[in-house]
Amino acid sequence: MEYNESDFVEYALKETGIAILSRNDKYFDLPNGFQIEVEGRDLYRLSHEGWVISPFDDIGRLCTFLQSNINHTTETNESNG
């Protein structure tokens, strides 16, 4: 069985409780305008509403960043709404 980095990312997101709105091969749409592109093994591009935030080379750090910022974005939107 061949290793698939995108499948690993999907698994990691699900295990850390991060919702996946849609997946198209190596592209993931997440809540509140976040997107991930899997560029290679241990290399992920995180964007927010089309703007690149940062490359990540550690899936754990990426998930931790997303957990903090998806929740923060939701709270900010609810308080402004």
Protein backbone atom coordinates (compact mmCIF):
# COMPACT_ATOMS: atom_id res chain seq x y z
CA MET A 1 0.00 0.00 0.00
CA GLU A 2 1.42 3.35 -1.04
CA TYR A 3 1.65 6.13 1.55
CA ASN A 4 -0.66 9.06 0.83
CA GLU A 5 0.15 12.30 2.65
CA SER A 6 -3.31 13.75 1.95
CA ASP A 7 -4.97 10.75 3.61
CA PHE A 8 -2.68 11.30 6.61
CA VAL A 9 -3.72 14.96 6.80
CA GLU A 10 -7.39 13.96 6.66
CA TYR A 11 -6.82 11.49 9.49
CA ALA A 12 -4.95 14.08 11.61
CA LEU A 13 -7.64 16.72 11.12
CA LYS A 14 -10.39 14.29 12.10
CA GLU A 15 -8.46 13.03 15.14
CA THR A 16 -7.97 16.60 16.41
CA GLY A 17 -11.63 17.52 15.91
CA ILE A 18 -11.14 19.87 12.96
CA ALA A 19 -14.05 19.71 10.53
CA ILE A 20 -13.36 19.16 6.85
CA LEU A 21 -15.96 20.90 4.70
CA SER A 22 -14.64 19.37 1.48
CA ARG A 23 -11.62 17.60 0.07
CA ASN A 24 -10.44 17.55 -3.52
CA ASP A 25 -7.37 15.32 -3.67
CA LYS A 26 -4.68 17.36 -1.88
CA TYR A 27 -6.88 20.40 -1.18
CA PHE A 28 -8.95 20.77 1.98
CA ASP A 29 -11.60 23.39 2.74
CA LEU A 30 -12.07 23.99 6.45
CA PRO A 31 -14.45 26.17 8.49
CA ASN A 32 -14.14 29.96 8.54
CA GLY A 33 -12.29 30.32 5.23
CA PHE A 34 -9.23 28.18 5.99
CA GLN A 35 -7.72 25.97 3.29
CA ILE A 36 -4.85 23.48 3.30
CA GLU A 37 -2.87 22.33 0.29
CA VAL A 38 -0.67 19.28 0.76
CA GLU A 39 2.50 20.17 -1.14
CA GLY A 40 4.50 17.07 -0.27
CA ARG A 41 5.45 14.80 2.55
CA ASP A 42 5.48 16.90 5.73
CA LEU A 43 4.83 20.12 3.79
CA TYR A 44 1.48 21.91 3.99
CA ARG A 45 0.37 25.34 2.77
CA LEU A 46 -2.23 27.02 4.97
CA SER A 47 -4.36 29.81 3.53
CA HIS A 48 -7.18 31.94 4.88
CA GLU A 49 -9.71 33.33 2.44
CA GLY A 50 -7.21 32.91 -0.39
CA TRP A 51 -4.26 34.52 1.40
CA VAL A 52 -1.32 32.27 2.22
CA ILE A 53 -0.63 32.34 5.94
CA SER A 54 2.36 30.06 6.20
CA PRO A 55 3.90 26.80 5.15
CA PHE A 56 3.93 24.14 7.87
CA ASP A 57 6.23 21.15 8.08
CA ASP A 58 4.67 19.63 11.21
CA ILE A 59 1.09 18.32 11.12
CA GLY A 60 0.77 18.65 14.91
CA ARG A 61 1.65 22.34 14.87
CA LEU A 62 -0.68 22.91 11.92
CA CYS A 63 -3.59 21.26 13.76
CA THR A 64 -2.86 23.19 16.96
CA PHE A 65 -2.74 26.47 14.99
CA LEU A 66 -6.03 25.63 13.30
CA GLN A 67 -7.75 24.65 16.54
CA SER A 68 -6.84 28.01 18.07
CA ASN A 69 -7.63 30.13 15.06
CA ILE A 70 -10.78 28.44 13.79
CA ASN A 71 -12.28 28.85 17.26
CA HIS A 72 -11.02 32.44 17.52
CA THR A 73 -12.43 33.32 14.10
CA THR A 74 -15.80 31.81 15.05
CA GLU A 75 -15.92 33.76 18.32
CA THR A 76 -14.94 36.99 16.59
CA ASN A 77 -17.60 36.52 13.91
CA GLU A 78 -20.29 35.74 16.51
CA SER A 79 -19.45 38.81 18.60
CA ASN A 80 -19.50 41.04 15.51
CA GLY A 81 -22.68 39.49 14.09
